[in-house]
């Protein structure tokens, strides 16, 4: 999913972690960031962070720290069955661009 805004206007947000509500086998999560509105017009300009692996039966949180004003999330299965219900985002405002 592209174009996720966690703040209003030109405020920056710090994402400190993701809390996937899901079941099934291991998946990989990638979080991307860019500056609004370029992501809405050209998703190819997303700066993807390194993949993080997540197994729902073993963990609850994906720790990370990224700063931006527009985010993207990409989830990929690693061969097994899985189902994603929602993603909680631990974030705080970080100031203005």
C-alpha atoms as a PDB file:
ATOM      1  CA  UNK A   1       0.000   0.000   0.000  1.00  0.00           C
ATOM      2  CA  UNK A   2       1.344   3.411  -1.010  1.00  0.00           C
ATOM      3  CA  UNK A   3       0.614   6.969   0.121  1.00  0.00           C
ATOM      4  CA  UNK A   4       0.147   6.376   3.870  1.00  0.00           C
ATOM      5  CA  UNK A   5       0.132   9.724   5.686  1.00  0.00           C
ATOM      6  CA  UNK A   6       0.453   9.622   9.489  1.00  0.00           C
ATOM      7  CA  UNK A   7       0.565  13.380  10.001  1.00  0.00           C
ATOM      8  CA  UNK A   8      -1.201  16.455   8.739  1.00  0.00           C
ATOM      9  CA  UNK A   9       0.155  19.204   6.503  1.00  0.00           C
ATOM     10  CA  UNK A  10       3.942  18.962   6.177  1.00  0.00           C
ATOM     11  CA  UNK A  11       4.594  17.287   9.515  1.00  0.00           C
ATOM     12  CA  UNK A  12       7.062  14.425   9.734  1.00  0.00           C
ATOM     13  CA  UNK A  13       6.330  11.210  11.587  1.00  0.00           C
ATOM     14  CA  UNK A  14       8.672   8.696  13.231  1.00  0.00           C
ATOM     15  CA  UNK A  15       7.516   5.099  12.804  1.00  0.00           C
ATOM     16  CA  UNK A  16       8.908   3.033  15.694  1.00  0.00           C
ATOM     17  CA  UNK A  17       7.277  -0.291  14.982  1.00  0.00           C
ATOM     18  CA  UNK A  18       4.604  -2.296  13.209  1.00  0.00           C
ATOM     19  CA  UNK A  19       2.150  -4.623  14.958  1.00  0.00           C
ATOM     20  CA  UNK A  20       0.761  -6.997  12.330  1.00  0.00           C
ATOM     21  CA  UNK A  21      -2.518  -8.680  13.207  1.00  0.00           C
ATOM     22  CA  UNK A  22      -2.157 -11.823  11.174  1.00  0.00           C
ATOM     23  CA  UNK A  23      -2.003 -15.584  11.145  1.00  0.00           C
ATOM     24  CA  UNK A  24      -0.065 -18.175   9.219  1.00  0.00           C
ATOM     25  CA  UNK A  25       3.496 -18.706   8.090  1.00  0.00           C
ATOM     26  CA  UNK A  26       6.493 -16.369   7.963  1.00  0.00           C
ATOM     27  CA  UNK A  27       6.314 -13.280   5.740  1.00  0.00           C
ATOM     28  CA  UNK A  28       8.568 -10.348   4.970  1.00  0.00           C
ATOM     29  CA  UNK A  29       7.625  -6.723   5.619  1.00  0.00           C
ATOM     30  CA  UNK A  30       9.172  -3.725   3.927  1.00  0.00           C
ATOM     31  CA  UNK A  31       8.434  -0.140   4.846  1.00  0.00           C
ATOM     32  CA  UNK A  32       9.127   2.584   2.344  1.00  0.00           C
ATOM     33  CA  UNK A  33       9.182   6.337   2.583  1.00  0.00           C
ATOM     34  CA  UNK A  34       9.186   9.348   0.345  1.00  0.00           C
ATOM     35  CA  UNK A  35       8.032  12.943   0.390  1.00  0.00           C
ATOM     36  CA  UNK A  36       4.421  13.802  -0.404  1.00  0.00           C
ATOM     37  CA  UNK A  37       3.054  14.112  -3.073  1.00  0.00           C
ATOM     38  CA  UNK A  38       5.709  12.335  -5.159  1.00  0.00           C
ATOM     39  CA  UNK A  39       4.653   8.888  -3.942  1.00  0.00           C
ATOM     40  CA  UNK A  40       1.107   9.341  -5.185  1.00  0.00           C
ATOM     41  CA  UNK A  41       2.354  10.331  -8.632  1.00  0.00           C
ATOM     42  CA  UNK A  42       5.305   7.958  -8.964  1.00  0.00           C
ATOM     43  CA  UNK A  43       5.399   4.922  -6.607  1.00  0.00           C
ATOM     44  CA  UNK A  44       8.724   3.961  -8.208  1.00  0.00           C
ATOM     45  CA  UNK A  45      10.402   6.706  -6.154  1.00  0.00           C
ATOM     46  CA  UNK A  46       9.732   4.932  -2.848  1.00  0.00           C
ATOM     47  CA  UNK A  47      12.891   4.424  -0.759  1.00  0.00           C
ATOM     48  CA  UNK A  48      12.414   0.865   0.565  1.00  0.00           C
ATOM     49  CA  UNK A  49      14.080  -0.066   3.835  1.00  0.00           C
ATOM     50  CA  UNK A  50      15.653  -3.539   4.285  1.00  0.00           C
ATOM     51  CA  UNK A  51      13.194  -6.426   4.583  1.00  0.00           C
ATOM     52  CA  UNK A  52      12.208  -7.587   8.033  1.00  0.00           C
ATOM     53  CA  UNK A  53      10.971 -11.116   8.558  1.00  0.00           C
ATOM     54  CA  UNK A  54       7.959 -11.847  10.744  1.00  0.00           C
ATOM     55  CA  UNK A  55       6.448 -15.097  12.020  1.00  0.00           C
ATOM     56  CA  UNK A  56       3.072 -14.436  13.715  1.00  0.00           C
ATOM     57  CA  UNK A  57       3.374 -17.352  16.161  1.00  0.00           C
ATOM     58  CA  UNK A  58       6.769 -16.130  17.419  1.00  0.00           C
ATOM     59  CA  UNK A  59       6.579 -12.318  17.518  1.00  0.00           C
ATOM     60  CA  UNK A  60       4.146  -9.484  18.014  1.00  0.00           C
ATOM     61  CA  UNK A  61       6.137  -6.426  16.916  1.00  0.00           C
ATOM     62  CA  UNK A  62       8.434  -5.509  14.047  1.00  0.00           C
ATOM     63  CA  UNK A  63      10.818  -2.930  15.546  1.00  0.00           C
ATOM     64  CA  UNK A  64      12.116  -0.184  13.277  1.00  0.00           C
ATOM     65  CA  UNK A  65      12.785   3.538  13.158  1.00  0.00           C
ATOM     66  CA  UNK A  66      12.099   5.553  10.012  1.00  0.00           C
ATOM     67  CA  UNK A  67      11.256   9.228   9.572  1.00  0.00           C
ATOM     68  CA  UNK A  68       9.179  10.632   6.733  1.00  0.00           C
ATOM     69  CA  UNK A  69       5.869  12.200   5.825  1.00  0.00           C
ATOM     70  CA  UNK A  70       4.520   9.562   3.422  1.00  0.00           C
ATOM     71  CA  UNK A  71       4.969   5.825   3.908  1.00  0.00           C
ATOM     72  CA  UNK A  72       4.379   2.558   2.077  1.00  0.00           C
ATOM     73  CA  UNK A  73       4.140  -1.039   3.298  1.00  0.00           C
ATOM     74  CA  UNK A  74       4.849  -4.155   1.264  1.00  0.00           C
ATOM     75  CA  UNK A  75       4.131  -7.674   2.590  1.00  0.00           C
ATOM     76  CA  UNK A  76       5.352 -10.803   0.826  1.00  0.00           C
ATOM     77  CA  UNK A  77       4.763 -14.442   1.644  1.00  0.00           C
ATOM     78  CA  UNK A  78       7.737 -16.780   1.735  1.00  0.00           C
ATOM     79  CA  UNK A  79       5.979 -19.832   0.328  1.00  0.00           C
ATOM     80  CA  UNK A  80       3.478 -20.647   3.064  1.00  0.00           C
ATOM     81  CA  UNK A  81      -0.110 -19.630   3.702  1.00  0.00           C
ATOM     82  CA  UNK A  82      -0.853 -16.417   5.620  1.00  0.00           C
ATOM     83  CA  UNK A  83      -3.627 -13.904   6.199  1.00  0.00           C
ATOM     84  CA  UNK A  84      -3.179 -10.268   7.209  1.00  0.00           C
ATOM     85  CA  UNK A  85      -6.084  -8.643   9.067  1.00  0.00           C
ATOM     86  CA  UNK A  86      -4.592  -5.262  10.036  1.00  0.00           C
ATOM     87  CA  UNK A  87      -1.347  -3.480  10.905  1.00  0.00           C
ATOM     88  CA  UNK A  88      -0.975  -1.308  13.995  1.00  0.00           C
ATOM     89  CA  UNK A  89       1.602   1.462  13.633  1.00  0.00           C
ATOM     90  CA  UNK A  90       3.579   2.817  16.602  1.00  0.00           C
ATOM     91  CA  UNK A  91       4.438   6.388  15.597  1.00  0.00           C
ATOM     92  CA  UNK A  92       4.868   9.930  16.873  1.00  0.00           C
ATOM     93  CA  UNK A  93       5.075  13.349  15.282  1.00  0.00           C
ATOM     94  CA  UNK A  94       8.616  14.546  14.602  1.00  0.00           C
ATOM     95  CA  UNK A  95       8.295  18.147  13.394  1.00  0.00           C
ATOM     96  CA  UNK A  96       7.846  19.968  10.095  1.00  0.00           C
ATOM     97  CA  UNK A  97       9.585  19.511   6.771  1.00  0.00           C
END
